[in-house]
N, C-alpha and C. Protein backbone atom coordinates (compact mmCIF):
# COMPACT_ATOMS: atom_id res chain seq x y z
N ILE A 1 -16.58 -1.05 -11.05
CA ILE A 1 -15.38 -2.40 -11.84
C ILE A 1 -15.56 -1.85 -13.10
N GLU A 2 -16.46 -1.55 -13.55
CA GLU A 2 -16.78 -1.30 -15.49
C GLU A 2 -15.52 -0.16 -15.36
N ALA A 3 -16.01 0.92 -14.82
CA ALA A 3 -15.33 2.71 -15.38
C ALA A 3 -14.05 2.04 -15.25
N PHE A 4 -13.33 0.96 -14.37
CA PHE A 4 -11.65 0.64 -14.52
C PHE A 4 -11.49 0.65 -16.05
N LYS A 5 -12.23 -0.47 -16.60
CA LYS A 5 -11.94 -0.61 -18.38
C LYS A 5 -12.14 0.59 -19.47
N TYR A 6 -12.75 1.91 -18.80
CA TYR A 6 -12.99 2.40 -20.00
C TYR A 6 -12.42 3.98 -19.08
N GLN A 7 -12.67 4.22 -18.32
CA GLN A 7 -12.26 5.49 -17.73
C GLN A 7 -11.18 6.09 -17.36
N LYS A 8 -10.06 6.12 -18.66
CA LYS A 8 -8.89 5.90 -18.02
C LYS A 8 -8.54 7.51 -17.81
N LYS A 9 -9.36 8.34 -16.58
CA LYS A 9 -8.79 9.49 -15.95
C LYS A 9 -8.76 8.95 -14.43
N LEU A 10 -9.28 7.96 -14.06
CA LEU A 10 -9.40 6.86 -12.89
C LEU A 10 -8.43 6.95 -12.22
N MET A 11 -7.50 7.37 -11.19
CA MET A 11 -6.32 6.34 -10.52
C MET A 11 -6.07 4.87 -10.96
N PRO A 12 -5.16 4.28 -11.21
CA PRO A 12 -5.15 3.07 -11.14
C PRO A 12 -4.66 2.50 -9.89
N GLN A 13 -4.92 3.04 -8.81
CA GLN A 13 -4.19 2.58 -7.16
C GLN A 13 -5.77 2.76 -6.85
N LEU A 14 -5.66 1.63 -5.80
CA LEU A 14 -7.01 1.44 -4.87
C LEU A 14 -6.14 1.31 -3.35
N HIS A 15 -7.41 1.18 -2.57
CA HIS A 15 -7.10 0.92 -1.31
C HIS A 15 -8.08 0.25 -1.11
N LEU A 16 -7.57 -1.07 -0.63
CA LEU A 16 -8.90 -1.94 -0.71
C LEU A 16 -8.65 -2.96 0.95
N PRO A 17 -8.91 -1.87 2.34
CA PRO A 17 -8.42 -2.82 3.32
C PRO A 17 -8.88 -4.29 3.70
N ILE A 18 -8.05 -5.39 3.69
CA ILE A 18 -8.87 -6.52 4.47
C ILE A 18 -8.26 -6.49 5.77
N GLN A 19 -7.98 -6.31 6.20
CA GLN A 19 -7.72 -6.74 7.82
C GLN A 19 -6.98 -7.61 8.27
N SER A 20 -7.50 -8.68 7.60
CA SER A 20 -6.73 -9.98 7.89
C SER A 20 -7.06 -10.65 6.61
N GLY A 21 -6.46 -11.92 6.81
CA GLY A 21 -6.38 -12.67 5.42
C GLY A 21 -6.80 -14.07 5.72
N SER A 22 -7.42 -14.10 7.31
CA SER A 22 -8.40 -15.51 8.12
C SER A 22 -9.72 -15.17 7.37
N ASN A 23 -10.43 -16.40 7.65
CA ASN A 23 -12.01 -15.93 7.36
C ASN A 23 -12.16 -15.73 8.24
N LYS A 24 -11.39 -17.01 9.96
CA LYS A 24 -11.86 -16.87 11.39
C LYS A 24 -12.13 -15.75 11.45
N ILE A 25 -10.84 -14.50 11.54
CA ILE A 25 -10.33 -13.85 12.18
C ILE A 25 -11.60 -12.59 11.28
N LEU A 26 -11.31 -12.22 10.52
CA LEU A 26 -12.45 -12.10 9.75
C LEU A 26 -14.05 -11.86 10.04
N LYS A 27 -14.28 -12.89 10.16
CA LYS A 27 -15.75 -13.19 11.10
C LYS A 27 -15.85 -12.76 12.39
N LEU A 28 -14.51 -12.73 13.63
CA LEU A 28 -14.40 -12.47 14.96
C LEU A 28 -14.74 -10.69 14.90
N MET A 29 -14.00 -10.56 13.09
CA MET A 29 -13.89 -8.74 13.44
C MET A 29 -15.29 -7.92 13.32
N ASN A 30 -16.56 -9.36 12.44
CA ASN A 30 -17.46 -8.74 12.56
C ASN A 30 -17.38 -8.04 10.93
N ARG A 31 -16.29 -8.50 9.98
CA ARG A 31 -16.41 -7.78 8.69
C ARG A 31 -17.11 -8.88 7.75
N LYS A 32 -17.72 -7.38 7.19
CA LYS A 32 -18.41 -8.53 6.33
C LYS A 32 -18.00 -9.48 4.83
N HIS A 33 -16.66 -8.97 4.58
CA HIS A 33 -16.25 -10.45 3.42
C HIS A 33 -15.57 -11.58 3.44
N THR A 34 -15.04 -12.07 2.93
CA THR A 34 -14.15 -13.29 3.12
C THR A 34 -12.91 -13.00 2.56
N ARG A 35 -12.01 -14.35 2.51
CA ARG A 35 -10.45 -13.83 2.07
C ARG A 35 -10.98 -14.56 0.31
N GLU A 36 -12.00 -15.17 -0.03
CA GLU A 36 -12.45 -15.49 -1.56
C GLU A 36 -12.32 -14.33 -2.04
N TYR A 37 -13.73 -14.03 -1.42
CA TYR A 37 -14.29 -12.32 -1.54
C TYR A 37 -13.34 -11.15 -2.55
N TYR A 38 -12.66 -11.31 -1.38
CA TYR A 38 -11.48 -10.02 -1.24
C TYR A 38 -10.72 -10.41 -2.75
N LEU A 39 -10.20 -12.01 -2.67
CA LEU A 39 -9.08 -12.38 -3.91
C LEU A 39 -9.88 -12.22 -5.44
N ASP A 40 -11.65 -13.07 -5.07
CA ASP A 40 -12.49 -12.32 -6.78
C ASP A 40 -12.35 -11.18 -6.88
N LEU A 41 -12.21 -10.06 -6.04
CA LEU A 41 -12.72 -8.81 -5.93
C LEU A 41 -11.72 -7.80 -6.93
N ILE A 42 -10.37 -8.16 -6.27
CA ILE A 42 -8.49 -7.63 -7.06
C ILE A 42 -9.08 -8.47 -8.62
N ALA A 43 -9.16 -9.45 -8.48
CA ALA A 43 -9.35 -10.91 -10.19
C ALA A 43 -9.74 -9.52 -10.53
N LYS A 44 -11.12 -9.38 -10.14
CA LYS A 44 -12.30 -8.87 -11.20
C LYS A 44 -11.28 -6.64 -11.63
N PHE A 45 -11.18 -6.13 -10.81
CA PHE A 45 -10.40 -5.12 -10.62
C PHE A 45 -9.51 -5.00 -11.91
N LYS A 46 -8.23 -6.56 -11.63
CA LYS A 46 -7.20 -6.28 -12.49
C LYS A 46 -7.62 -7.27 -14.54
N GLU A 47 -8.50 -7.74 -13.66
CA GLU A 47 -9.43 -7.80 -15.49
C GLU A 47 -10.19 -6.66 -16.05
N ALA A 48 -10.35 -6.02 -15.17
CA ALA A 48 -11.31 -4.40 -15.62
C ALA A 48 -9.67 -4.00 -16.35
N ASN A 49 -8.86 -3.38 -15.79
CA ASN A 49 -8.09 -3.01 -15.77
C ASN A 49 -6.12 -3.18 -15.44
N SER A 50 -5.65 -3.78 -16.29
CA SER A 50 -4.73 -4.55 -15.87
C SER A 50 -3.54 -3.93 -15.30
N GLU A 51 -3.44 -2.42 -15.00
CA GLU A 51 -2.24 -1.58 -14.42
C GLU A 51 -2.53 -1.14 -13.50
N ILE A 52 -4.34 -1.79 -12.14
CA ILE A 52 -4.68 -1.30 -11.45
C ILE A 52 -3.16 -2.26 -10.69
N GLU A 53 -3.00 -1.29 -8.97
CA GLU A 53 -1.62 -1.58 -8.18
C GLU A 53 -3.16 -1.18 -6.84
N PHE A 54 -2.82 -2.55 -5.70
CA PHE A 54 -3.58 -2.07 -4.62
C PHE A 54 -2.53 -2.35 -3.00
N SER A 55 -3.41 -0.73 -2.21
CA SER A 55 -2.58 -0.81 -0.59
C SER A 55 -3.92 -1.42 0.50
N SER A 56 -2.80 -1.66 1.16
CA SER A 56 -4.07 -2.35 2.20
C SER A 56 -3.63 -2.59 3.61
N ASP A 57 -4.93 -2.21 4.61
CA ASP A 57 -4.29 -2.30 6.03
C ASP A 57 -4.92 -3.48 6.54
N PHE A 58 -3.64 -4.07 7.60
CA PHE A 58 -3.45 -5.14 8.51
C PHE A 58 -3.60 -5.21 9.74
N ILE A 59 -4.27 -5.75 10.22
CA ILE A 59 -4.52 -5.55 11.91
C ILE A 59 -3.83 -6.87 12.57
N ILE A 60 -2.78 -6.56 13.27
CA ILE A 60 -2.36 -7.83 13.49
C ILE A 60 -3.13 -8.33 15.28
N GLY A 61 -2.57 -9.45 15.61
CA GLY A 61 -3.12 -9.88 17.23
C GLY A 61 -4.58 -9.39 17.92
N PHE A 62 -5.28 -9.52 16.47
CA PHE A 62 -6.69 -9.67 16.70
C PHE A 62 -6.88 -10.83 18.20
N PRO A 63 -8.33 -10.50 19.00
CA PRO A 63 -8.23 -11.73 20.01
C PRO A 63 -8.14 -13.27 18.95
N GLY A 64 -7.85 -14.26 18.73
CA GLY A 64 -8.52 -15.69 18.50
C GLY A 64 -7.60 -15.88 17.15
N GLU A 65 -6.38 -14.74 17.09
CA GLU A 65 -5.35 -14.73 15.83
C GLU A 65 -4.88 -15.84 16.32
N ASP A 66 -4.34 -16.93 15.75
CA ASP A 66 -3.67 -18.14 15.63
C ASP A 66 -2.24 -17.90 14.33
N GLU A 67 -1.56 -18.95 14.68
CA GLU A 67 -0.19 -19.09 13.40
C GLU A 67 -1.20 -18.95 12.37
N LYS A 68 -1.85 -20.18 12.15
CA LYS A 68 -2.29 -20.21 10.69
C LYS A 68 -2.89 -19.28 10.47
N ASP A 69 -3.43 -18.51 10.79
CA ASP A 69 -4.58 -17.36 10.74
C ASP A 69 -3.53 -16.28 10.43
N PHE A 70 -2.42 -15.33 11.01
CA PHE A 70 -1.34 -15.52 10.71
C PHE A 70 -0.34 -15.65 9.28
N GLN A 71 -0.63 -16.89 9.06
CA GLN A 71 -0.30 -17.21 7.83
C GLN A 71 -1.07 -17.05 6.84
N ASP A 72 -2.04 -16.89 7.26
CA ASP A 72 -3.20 -16.71 6.16
C ASP A 72 -3.11 -15.44 5.40
N THR A 73 -2.74 -14.82 6.58
CA THR A 73 -2.68 -12.78 6.38
C THR A 73 -1.04 -13.26 5.34
N LEU A 74 -0.40 -13.21 5.65
CA LEU A 74 1.40 -13.60 5.11
C LEU A 74 0.19 -13.88 3.34
N ASP A 75 -0.31 -14.99 3.36
CA ASP A 75 -0.61 -15.78 1.92
C ASP A 75 -1.30 -14.49 1.24
N ILE A 76 -1.78 -13.95 1.53
CA ILE A 76 -2.63 -12.90 1.06
C ILE A 76 -2.22 -11.64 0.12
N ILE A 77 -1.09 -11.39 0.84
CA ILE A 77 0.21 -9.94 0.81
C ILE A 77 0.76 -10.94 -0.63
N ASN A 78 1.24 -11.76 0.12
CA ASN A 78 2.04 -12.74 -1.57
C ASN A 78 1.44 -12.72 -2.57
N ARG A 79 -0.12 -13.29 -2.31
CA ARG A 79 -1.15 -13.23 -3.04
C ARG A 79 -1.10 -12.03 -4.17
N VAL A 80 -1.26 -10.81 -3.46
CA VAL A 80 -1.54 -9.31 -3.58
C VAL A 80 -0.40 -8.57 -4.32
N ASN A 81 0.65 -9.29 -3.49
CA ASN A 81 1.58 -7.88 -3.93
C ASN A 81 1.57 -6.41 -3.94
N PHE A 82 0.89 -5.80 -2.72
CA PHE A 82 0.34 -4.65 -2.53
C PHE A 82 1.48 -3.97 -2.91
N ILE A 83 1.42 -2.58 -2.95
CA ILE A 83 2.27 -1.82 -3.68
C ILE A 83 2.80 -1.02 -2.07
N ASN A 84 1.54 -0.60 -1.60
CA ASN A 84 1.93 0.05 -0.06
C ASN A 84 0.95 -0.94 0.77
N SER A 85 0.92 -1.14 2.23
CA SER A 85 -0.30 -0.90 3.19
C SER A 85 0.16 -1.09 4.52
N TYR A 86 -0.59 -0.42 5.74
CA TYR A 86 -0.67 -0.06 6.73
C TYR A 86 -0.67 -1.26 7.17
N SER A 87 0.15 -1.64 8.93
CA SER A 87 -0.52 -2.82 10.07
C SER A 87 -0.19 -2.08 10.78
N PHE A 88 -0.97 -2.60 12.10
CA PHE A 88 -0.89 -2.08 13.14
C PHE A 88 -1.05 -3.47 13.96
N ILE A 89 -0.59 -3.56 15.31
CA ILE A 89 -1.40 -4.21 16.34
C ILE A 89 -2.83 -3.94 16.97
N TYR A 90 -3.24 -4.73 16.95
CA TYR A 90 -4.93 -4.54 17.45
C TYR A 90 -4.65 -3.88 18.85
N SER A 91 -5.72 -3.01 18.96
CA SER A 91 -5.80 -2.42 20.20
C SER A 91 -6.68 -2.60 21.07
N GLN A 92 -7.46 -2.42 22.28
CA GLN A 92 -8.79 -2.76 22.96
C GLN A 92 -8.98 -2.23 22.70
N ARG A 93 -10.64 -1.88 22.56
CA ARG A 93 -11.70 -1.06 22.69
C ARG A 93 -12.76 -0.67 23.43
N PRO A 94 -13.03 0.18 24.48
CA PRO A 94 -13.73 -0.01 25.52
C PRO A 94 -15.16 -0.33 24.67
N GLY A 95 -16.12 -1.38 25.56
CA GLY A 95 -17.55 -1.34 24.41
C GLY A 95 -17.46 -2.51 23.68
N THR A 96 -16.26 -2.67 23.26
CA THR A 96 -16.15 -3.50 21.90
C THR A 96 -16.04 -5.08 22.53
N PRO A 97 -17.00 -6.27 21.43
CA PRO A 97 -17.20 -7.57 21.88
C PRO A 97 -15.65 -8.31 22.17
N ALA A 98 -15.06 -7.60 21.41
CA ALA A 98 -13.51 -8.48 21.24
C ALA A 98 -12.43 -7.95 22.78
N VAL A 99 -12.32 -6.87 23.24
CA VAL A 99 -12.49 -6.77 25.04
C VAL A 99 -12.26 -8.07 25.55
N ASP A 100 -13.88 -9.10 25.51
CA ASP A 100 -13.59 -9.60 26.68
C ASP A 100 -13.05 -11.31 26.36
N ARG A 101 -12.65 -11.11 24.76
CA ARG A 101 -11.56 -11.81 24.56
C ARG A 101 -10.45 -12.07 25.14
N ASP A 102 -10.10 -13.26 25.18
CA ASP A 102 -8.55 -13.57 25.39
C ASP A 102 -7.26 -12.32 24.71
N GLN A 103 -6.71 -11.62 25.10
CA GLN A 103 -5.90 -11.08 24.23
C GLN A 103 -4.72 -11.74 23.90
N ILE A 104 -4.13 -12.04 22.77
CA ILE A 104 -2.70 -12.32 22.14
C ILE A 104 -1.42 -11.35 23.26
N SER A 105 -0.24 -12.41 23.38
CA SER A 105 0.91 -11.14 24.57
C SER A 105 0.95 -10.78 22.98
N LEU A 106 2.17 -9.66 23.91
CA LEU A 106 2.52 -8.23 23.41
C LEU A 106 3.38 -9.00 22.51
N ASP A 107 4.68 -9.74 22.61
CA ASP A 107 5.62 -9.95 22.22
C ASP A 107 5.27 -10.63 21.27
N ILE A 108 3.65 -11.56 21.33
CA ILE A 108 3.70 -12.66 20.21
C ILE A 108 3.48 -11.35 18.48
N CYS A 109 2.74 -10.31 19.01
CA CYS A 109 2.00 -9.43 18.10
C CYS A 109 3.44 -8.74 18.16
N LYS A 110 3.89 -8.59 18.35
CA LYS A 110 4.82 -7.33 18.29
C LYS A 110 6.07 -8.14 16.73
N ASP A 111 6.28 -9.81 17.18
CA ASP A 111 6.95 -10.66 16.61
C ASP A 111 6.59 -10.72 15.01
N ARG A 112 4.82 -10.95 15.28
CA ARG A 112 4.01 -11.35 14.01
C ARG A 112 4.37 -10.23 13.01
N LEU A 113 3.91 -8.92 13.57
CA LEU A 113 3.63 -7.75 13.28
C LEU A 113 5.27 -7.26 12.35
N LEU A 114 6.17 -7.74 13.01
CA LEU A 114 7.52 -7.60 12.63
C LEU A 114 8.17 -8.17 11.44
N LYS A 115 7.40 -9.13 11.33
CA LYS A 115 7.05 -10.44 10.35
C LYS A 115 6.64 -9.97 8.61
N LEU A 116 5.28 -9.46 9.09
CA LEU A 116 4.98 -8.82 8.09
C LEU A 116 5.41 -8.05 7.61
N GLN A 117 5.02 -7.12 8.48
CA GLN A 117 6.19 -5.71 7.62
C GLN A 117 7.52 -5.93 7.06
N THR A 118 8.15 -6.72 7.16
CA THR A 118 9.52 -6.96 6.51
C THR A 118 8.40 -7.51 5.42
N LEU A 119 7.68 -8.82 5.10
CA LEU A 119 7.41 -9.05 4.08
C LEU A 119 7.23 -7.32 3.02
N LEU A 120 6.08 -6.74 3.73
CA LEU A 120 5.33 -6.58 3.17
C LEU A 120 7.10 -5.17 2.60
N ALA A 121 7.51 -4.89 3.05
CA ALA A 121 8.62 -4.37 2.68
C ALA A 121 9.05 -4.28 2.10
N GLU A 122 10.12 -6.36 1.86
CA GLU A 122 10.34 -6.89 0.36
C GLU A 122 9.86 -6.31 -0.78
N ILE A 123 8.16 -6.87 -0.63
CA ILE A 123 7.38 -6.45 -1.67
C ILE A 123 7.38 -5.25 -2.07
N GLN A 124 7.44 -4.00 -1.61
CA GLN A 124 7.41 -2.68 -2.40
C GLN A 124 8.94 -2.01 -2.93
N THR A 125 9.46 -2.74 -2.05
CA THR A 125 11.07 -2.45 -2.74
C THR A 125 11.37 -3.69 -4.04
N LYS A 126 11.40 -4.14 -4.19
CA LYS A 126 11.03 -5.30 -5.37
C LYS A 126 10.61 -4.52 -5.81
N ASN A 127 9.16 -3.84 -6.08
CA ASN A 127 7.91 -3.25 -6.75
C ASN A 127 8.90 -1.92 -7.38
N SER A 128 9.28 -1.35 -6.35
CA SER A 128 10.06 0.00 -6.23
C SER A 128 11.33 -0.91 -7.50
N LYS A 129 12.28 -1.50 -7.61
CA LYS A 129 13.01 -1.41 -7.92
C LYS A 129 13.24 -1.64 -9.58
N GLN A 130 11.83 -2.41 -10.31
CA GLN A 130 11.61 -1.91 -11.24
C GLN A 130 11.33 -1.46 -11.74
N LEU A 131 11.23 -0.01 -11.13
CA LEU A 131 10.76 1.47 -11.84
C LEU A 131 12.30 2.06 -12.18
N ILE A 132 13.69 1.90 -11.85
CA ILE A 132 14.45 2.10 -11.70
C ILE A 132 14.90 2.19 -13.17
N GLY A 133 15.79 3.42 -14.14
CA GLY A 133 15.90 3.83 -15.04
C GLY A 133 14.51 4.18 -16.55
N LYS A 134 13.03 3.91 -15.23
CA LYS A 134 12.20 4.70 -16.33
C LYS A 134 11.57 5.50 -16.07
N LYS A 135 10.84 6.25 -17.22
CA LYS A 135 10.85 7.93 -16.89
C LYS A 135 9.30 7.60 -15.79
N VAL A 136 8.88 7.93 -14.91
CA VAL A 136 7.14 8.26 -14.16
C VAL A 136 6.43 9.65 -14.23
N GLU A 137 5.70 10.04 -14.90
CA GLU A 137 4.88 10.81 -14.49
C GLU A 137 4.18 10.94 -13.11
N ILE A 138 4.71 12.23 -12.48
CA ILE A 138 4.48 12.62 -11.02
C ILE A 138 3.45 13.66 -10.64
N LEU A 139 2.62 13.88 -9.62
CA LEU A 139 2.03 15.11 -9.23
C LEU A 139 3.16 15.86 -8.84
N ILE A 140 3.94 17.07 -8.37
CA ILE A 140 4.60 17.74 -7.86
C ILE A 140 3.98 18.03 -6.79
N GLU A 141 4.56 17.60 -5.17
CA GLU A 141 3.49 18.53 -4.16
C GLU A 141 3.97 19.54 -3.26
N ASN A 142 5.43 19.35 -3.03
CA ASN A 142 5.61 20.28 -2.45
C ASN A 142 7.34 20.44 -2.26
N LYS A 143 7.52 21.20 -1.93
CA LYS A 143 9.51 21.42 -1.77
C LYS A 143 9.76 21.02 -0.49
N THR A 144 10.76 20.12 -0.42
CA THR A 144 11.27 19.52 0.89
C THR A 144 11.96 20.24 2.03
N LYS A 145 12.46 20.17 2.98
CA LYS A 145 13.27 20.74 3.79
C LYS A 145 14.63 21.04 3.27
N THR A 146 14.65 19.99 2.26
CA THR A 146 16.19 19.55 1.95
C THR A 146 16.17 20.96 0.63
N PRO A 147 17.28 21.50 0.77
CA PRO A 147 17.44 22.77 -0.52
C PRO A 147 17.43 21.90 -1.48
N GLY A 148 16.80 22.70 -2.62
CA GLY A 148 17.04 22.24 -4.18
C GLY A 148 15.89 20.71 -4.10
N GLN A 149 15.37 20.96 -3.08
CA GLN A 149 14.57 19.04 -3.25
C GLN A 149 13.19 18.64 -3.34
N PHE A 150 12.60 18.68 -4.75
CA PHE A 150 11.24 18.47 -4.33
C PHE A 150 10.44 17.03 -4.04
N PHE A 151 9.07 17.08 -3.62
CA PHE A 151 8.68 16.11 -3.90
C PHE A 151 7.49 15.90 -4.78
N GLY A 152 6.93 14.36 -5.21
CA GLY A 152 5.91 14.35 -5.64
C GLY A 152 5.05 12.30 -5.66
N ARG A 153 4.07 12.33 -5.93
CA ARG A 153 3.58 11.17 -6.01
C ARG A 153 3.70 10.68 -7.47
N SER A 154 3.49 9.76 -7.74
CA SER A 154 3.08 8.79 -9.39
C SER A 154 1.47 9.11 -9.46
N LYS A 155 0.95 8.03 -9.85
CA LYS A 155 -0.80 7.78 -9.74
C LYS A 155 -0.20 6.51 -9.07
N PHE A 156 0.27 5.74 -8.77
CA PHE A 156 0.58 4.69 -7.90
C PHE A 156 0.62 5.65 -6.48
N MET A 157 0.58 6.25 -6.23
CA MET A 157 1.13 6.75 -4.56
C MET A 157 2.40 6.87 -4.63
N HIS A 158 3.31 6.44 -5.56
CA HIS A 158 4.62 6.35 -5.23
C HIS A 158 5.30 8.22 -4.56
N SER A 159 5.46 8.03 -3.10
CA SER A 159 6.85 8.85 -3.21
C SER A 159 7.63 9.22 -3.65
N ILE A 160 7.87 10.14 -4.38
CA ILE A 160 9.31 10.61 -5.47
C ILE A 160 10.24 11.64 -4.73
N PHE A 161 11.19 11.60 -5.17
CA PHE A 161 12.23 13.10 -4.70
C PHE A 161 13.12 13.14 -5.39
N PHE A 162 13.46 14.38 -6.41
CA PHE A 162 14.22 14.87 -6.98
C PHE A 162 14.37 16.06 -6.70
N ASN A 163 15.45 16.60 -7.29
CA ASN A 163 16.13 18.35 -7.59
C ASN A 163 15.81 18.98 -8.37
N SER A 164 15.90 19.92 -8.46
CA SER A 164 15.17 20.76 -9.50
C SER A 164 15.35 22.37 -8.96
N GLU A 165 15.60 23.30 -9.41
CA GLU A 165 16.05 24.92 -9.17
C GLU A 165 14.88 25.30 -8.77
N ASN A 166 13.58 25.04 -9.21
CA ASN A 166 12.40 25.86 -9.74
C ASN A 166 11.06 24.58 -10.37
N CYS A 167 10.13 24.80 -8.94
CA CYS A 167 9.11 24.19 -9.75
C CYS A 167 7.84 24.46 -8.92
N ASN A 168 7.00 23.74 -9.45
CA ASN A 168 6.08 24.60 -8.85
C ASN A 168 4.86 23.22 -8.65
N PRO A 169 4.69 23.52 -7.16
CA PRO A 169 3.62 22.50 -6.32
C PRO A 169 2.61 22.44 -7.40
N GLY A 170 1.94 21.19 -7.80
CA GLY A 170 0.60 21.57 -8.41
C GLY A 170 1.08 21.01 -9.94
N ASP A 171 2.08 20.79 -10.55
CA ASP A 171 2.46 21.25 -11.69
C ASP A 171 2.92 19.42 -11.86
N LEU A 172 2.67 18.71 -12.77
CA LEU A 172 3.12 17.52 -13.57
C LEU A 172 4.61 17.56 -13.61
N ALA A 173 4.98 16.33 -13.54
CA ALA A 173 7.25 16.37 -13.96
C ALA A 173 6.53 14.74 -14.87
N ASP A 174 8.05 15.30 -15.17
CA ASP A 174 8.50 13.66 -15.32
C ASP A 174 9.79 13.07 -14.88
N VAL A 175 9.94 12.30 -14.02
CA VAL A 175 11.12 12.23 -13.26
C VAL A 175 11.48 10.56 -13.67
N GLU A 176 12.87 10.35 -14.11
CA GLU A 176 13.40 9.32 -14.21
C GLU A 176 14.28 8.74 -13.12
N ILE A 177 13.48 7.80 -12.41
CA ILE A 177 13.56 6.90 -10.93
C ILE A 177 15.55 6.74 -11.50
N THR A 178 16.15 6.95 -10.05
CA THR A 178 17.68 6.41 -10.24
C THR A 178 17.62 5.50 -9.16
N SER A 179 16.90 5.58 -8.08
CA SER A 179 17.50 4.44 -7.21
C SER A 179 16.35 4.67 -6.07
N CYS A 180 15.87 4.10 -4.89
CA CYS A 180 14.39 3.43 -4.23
C CYS A 180 15.52 3.55 -3.33
N ASN A 181 14.95 3.22 -2.00
CA ASN A 181 14.49 2.54 -0.90
C ASN A 181 13.07 1.66 -0.39
N SER A 182 12.80 1.34 0.76
CA SER A 182 11.85 0.26 1.12
C SER A 182 10.58 1.48 0.44
N LYS A 183 10.91 2.79 1.14
CA LYS A 183 9.75 3.60 1.28
C LYS A 183 9.42 4.47 -0.27
N ASN A 184 10.46 4.91 -0.59
CA ASN A 184 10.38 5.77 -1.44
C ASN A 184 11.43 5.66 -2.84
N LEU A 185 11.43 7.15 -3.85
CA LEU A 185 11.91 6.37 -5.04
C LEU A 185 12.66 7.84 -5.15
N PHE A 186 13.46 7.92 -5.62
CA PHE A 186 14.51 9.00 -6.11
C PHE A 186 14.82 8.87 -7.46
N GLY A 187 14.99 10.20 -7.68
CA GLY A 187 14.86 10.74 -10.10
C GLY A 187 15.63 11.80 -10.16
N ILE A 188 15.27 12.05 -11.61
CA ILE A 188 16.27 12.98 -12.19
C ILE A 188 14.86 13.49 -13.20
N LEU A 189 14.79 14.89 -12.59
CA LEU A 189 14.06 15.76 -13.84
C LEU A 189 14.15 15.89 -14.88
N GLN A 190 12.90 15.51 -15.29
CA GLN A 190 12.88 15.37 -17.19
C GLN A 190 11.85 16.45 -17.75
N LYS A 191 10.76 16.41 -17.16
CA LYS A 191 10.64 17.18 -18.08
C LYS A 191 9.01 17.96 -17.39
N GLN A 192 8.65 19.34 -17.34
CA GLN A 192 7.48 20.11 -16.09
C GLN A 192 6.68 20.48 -17.03
N GLU A 193 5.76 19.98 -16.50
CA GLU A 193 4.29 21.46 -17.59
C GLU A 193 3.46 21.24 -16.20
N ALA A 194 2.85 22.59 -16.17
CA ALA A 194 1.51 23.24 -15.68
C ALA A 194 0.38 22.90 -16.46
N LEU A 195 -0.28 22.70 -15.19
CA LEU A 195 -1.65 21.40 -15.20
C LEU A 195 -2.85 23.36 -15.85
N VAL A 196 -3.51 23.00 -16.38
CA VAL A 196 -4.44 24.03 -16.77
C VAL A 196 -5.74 24.42 -15.84
């Protein structure tokens, strides 16, 4: 954590999977952390470097998850304000203790996943809209299938699309953000420089 205070070469985006915001479910999953430990860890990283942003993973419908457990997960999402996350419905794995537990109905799981993904998309869109009109440095990754369009990522792993006659994957570029959707940013190339 201390390295993030002093080392400017570290990327200020961390993927910290929590899986669930419920201590009960985390224990059933045999995870070694609690929601309190997770939130404390987030606070320590933010104290070391206020620019750090987080992404995570969520498993919905783990056997034993009730409405309160699900609400605890939504609460974690609202508290941390993740810039990106991955979420899945629990699927049985042969030989694991969870297989023998009462399974949650697929309809309930789908409903919860939709609610969770809607909240995550709202937060991601809100965060993306704050970048409109700002210049963002990206690493150009590749040319897309759309003629004249390139793709790159910011230091926060934002997916950014822009048009250019000629760009070199691996170069850095400044892109002014002009619009966004829930998953991507779109902009205008301002400057490009080769990495040596």
